[in-house]
């Protein structure tokens, strides 16, 4: 059995990603050599907020999809490939920019579905007296 050890640096670089709001953001952390690591355990995805990390996902999947991003999702994200002790042996940072979705201006012409209504005066019986005010 061959033994693979990591001679790669912990920091595997930064990637700039741009996405339009309401689209899906895809963070791909897979590097070919990760699965060759004898003690590989999982991937952990974080959103970086200053010195704090907010955990987004931890598991065997190297890809994280964030559905329908908003402008507030702009920022830094990080993925760690962890060994069986939970220590990262590979880290990728993502600089994510979410752009405002273009607004479409559509002019919609509404056509009537019925013919115009004609104003019809009520028919009054002959024995009803209608008084009209006259100015004078």
Protein backbone atom coordinates (compact mmCIF):
# COMPACT_ATOMS: atom_id res chain seq x y z
CA UNK A 1 0.00 0.00 0.00
CA UNK A 2 1.36 3.39 -0.96
CA UNK A 3 1.31 6.20 1.53
CA UNK A 4 0.56 9.73 0.38
CA UNK A 5 1.73 12.59 2.49
CA UNK A 6 1.01 16.23 1.85
CA UNK A 7 3.97 18.26 0.70
CA UNK A 8 1.68 21.04 -0.52
CA UNK A 9 1.31 24.33 1.37
CA UNK A 10 -1.72 24.71 3.61
CA UNK A 11 -2.90 27.81 1.73
CA UNK A 12 -3.95 26.81 -1.77
CA UNK A 13 -4.69 30.38 -2.80
CA UNK A 14 -7.58 32.72 -3.36
CA UNK A 15 -10.20 32.60 -6.07
CA UNK A 16 -12.29 35.54 -7.22
CA UNK A 17 -15.90 34.65 -8.02
CA UNK A 18 -18.64 36.88 -9.42
CA UNK A 19 -22.31 35.99 -9.44
CA UNK A 20 -25.52 37.90 -10.10
CA UNK A 21 -28.11 38.11 -7.31
CA UNK A 22 -30.75 35.38 -7.33
CA UNK A 23 -28.32 33.01 -9.09
CA UNK A 24 -26.55 30.10 -7.41
CA UNK A 25 -23.05 30.49 -5.98
CA UNK A 26 -20.86 27.40 -6.45
CA UNK A 27 -17.80 26.99 -4.24
CA UNK A 28 -15.65 24.16 -5.59
CA UNK A 29 -12.98 22.99 -3.17
CA UNK A 30 -11.93 19.82 -4.96
CA UNK A 31 -8.25 19.37 -5.70
CA UNK A 32 -7.14 16.08 -7.27
CA UNK A 33 -4.67 15.24 -4.53
CA UNK A 34 -7.19 15.63 -1.64
CA UNK A 35 -8.63 12.13 -2.03
CA UNK A 36 -5.16 10.64 -2.16
CA UNK A 37 -4.48 11.80 1.36
CA UNK A 38 -4.54 8.76 3.60
CA UNK A 39 -6.18 10.57 6.49
CA UNK A 40 -8.67 12.66 4.46
CA UNK A 41 -11.93 13.15 6.35
CA UNK A 42 -14.14 15.97 5.05
CA UNK A 43 -14.55 19.49 3.70
CA UNK A 44 -15.63 22.43 5.86
CA UNK A 45 -17.05 25.59 4.28
CA UNK A 46 -17.18 28.91 6.12
CA UNK A 47 -18.20 32.50 5.54
CA UNK A 48 -15.49 34.76 6.94
CA UNK A 49 -16.72 37.76 8.93
CA UNK A 50 -13.77 39.68 10.25
CA UNK A 51 -11.91 37.27 12.52
CA UNK A 52 -14.94 35.02 12.91
CA UNK A 53 -15.94 32.02 10.78
CA UNK A 54 -19.57 31.07 10.28
CA UNK A 55 -19.87 27.35 9.47
CA UNK A 56 -21.91 26.76 6.31
CA UNK A 57 -21.31 23.04 5.75
CA UNK A 58 -19.13 20.15 6.88
CA UNK A 59 -19.12 16.84 5.04
CA UNK A 60 -17.65 14.71 2.26
CA UNK A 61 -18.84 16.95 -0.60
CA UNK A 62 -16.16 19.15 -2.14
CA UNK A 63 -18.74 21.47 -3.69
CA UNK A 64 -21.07 23.82 -1.84
CA UNK A 65 -23.98 25.44 -3.70
CA UNK A 66 -25.62 28.47 -2.14
CA UNK A 67 -28.98 28.92 -3.84
CA UNK A 68 -30.30 32.30 -4.92
CA UNK A 69 -27.66 34.61 -3.46
CA UNK A 70 -28.43 38.14 -2.34
CA UNK A 71 -26.24 41.25 -2.38
CA UNK A 72 -25.47 40.61 1.32
CA UNK A 73 -23.73 37.36 0.33
CA UNK A 74 -20.80 39.37 -1.05
CA UNK A 75 -17.67 38.65 0.99
CA UNK A 76 -14.99 36.10 1.78
CA UNK A 77 -15.60 32.37 2.04
CA UNK A 78 -13.22 29.57 2.94
CA UNK A 79 -13.02 25.85 2.38
CA UNK A 80 -10.80 23.55 4.43
CA UNK A 81 -10.01 19.98 3.50
CA UNK A 82 -9.62 18.26 6.88
CA UNK A 83 -7.76 15.19 8.04
CA UNK A 84 -9.20 12.54 10.35
CA UNK A 85 -8.24 14.65 13.39
CA UNK A 86 -10.26 17.58 12.01
CA UNK A 87 -7.18 19.64 11.17
CA UNK A 88 -7.08 21.42 7.81
CA UNK A 89 -4.38 20.31 5.40
CA UNK A 90 -5.60 22.47 2.52
CA UNK A 91 -7.39 25.84 2.52
CA UNK A 92 -8.93 27.79 -0.35
CA UNK A 93 -10.32 31.30 0.07
CA UNK A 94 -13.01 32.72 -2.21
CA UNK A 95 -13.55 36.45 -2.74
CA UNK A 96 -17.19 36.57 -3.80
CA UNK A 97 -18.85 39.54 -5.44
CA UNK A 98 -22.62 39.50 -5.90
CA UNK A 99 -23.80 41.96 -8.55
CA UNK A 100 -27.27 43.46 -8.70
CA UNK A 101 -29.49 41.70 -11.20
CA UNK A 102 -30.27 43.84 -14.23
CA UNK A 103 -33.78 45.22 -14.18
CA UNK A 104 -35.88 44.68 -17.24
CA UNK A 105 -38.23 47.38 -18.34
CA UNK A 106 -41.12 45.95 -20.26
CA UNK A 107 -43.95 47.94 -21.71
CA UNK A 108 -47.07 45.89 -21.64
CA UNK A 109 -49.92 47.02 -23.82
CA UNK A 110 -53.24 45.99 -22.40
CA UNK A 111 -56.02 45.50 -24.86
CA UNK A 112 -59.60 45.42 -23.68
CA UNK A 113 -61.24 42.04 -23.84
CA UNK A 114 -64.75 43.52 -23.98
CA UNK A 115 -66.12 46.25 -26.16
CA UNK A 116 -66.39 49.65 -24.50
CA UNK A 117 -69.52 50.07 -22.42
CA UNK A 118 -71.95 52.61 -23.80
CA UNK A 119 -73.55 54.86 -21.29
CA UNK A 120 -77.25 54.12 -21.26
CA UNK A 121 -79.69 56.42 -19.56
CA UNK A 122 -82.24 54.61 -17.45
CA UNK A 123 -85.67 54.23 -18.94
CA UNK A 124 -88.19 55.77 -16.63
CA UNK A 125 -91.92 55.00 -16.75
CA UNK A 126 -94.01 57.78 -18.18
CA UNK A 127 -95.84 58.42 -14.90
CA UNK A 128 -92.59 59.34 -13.03
CA UNK A 129 -91.95 63.03 -12.97
CA UNK A 130 -88.36 64.11 -13.10
CA UNK A 131 -87.67 67.55 -11.78
CA UNK A 132 -84.68 69.39 -13.01
CA UNK A 133 -83.09 72.27 -11.20
CA UNK A 134 -82.80 75.32 -13.25
CA UNK A 135 -80.57 78.20 -12.50
CA UNK A 136 -81.90 81.41 -13.26
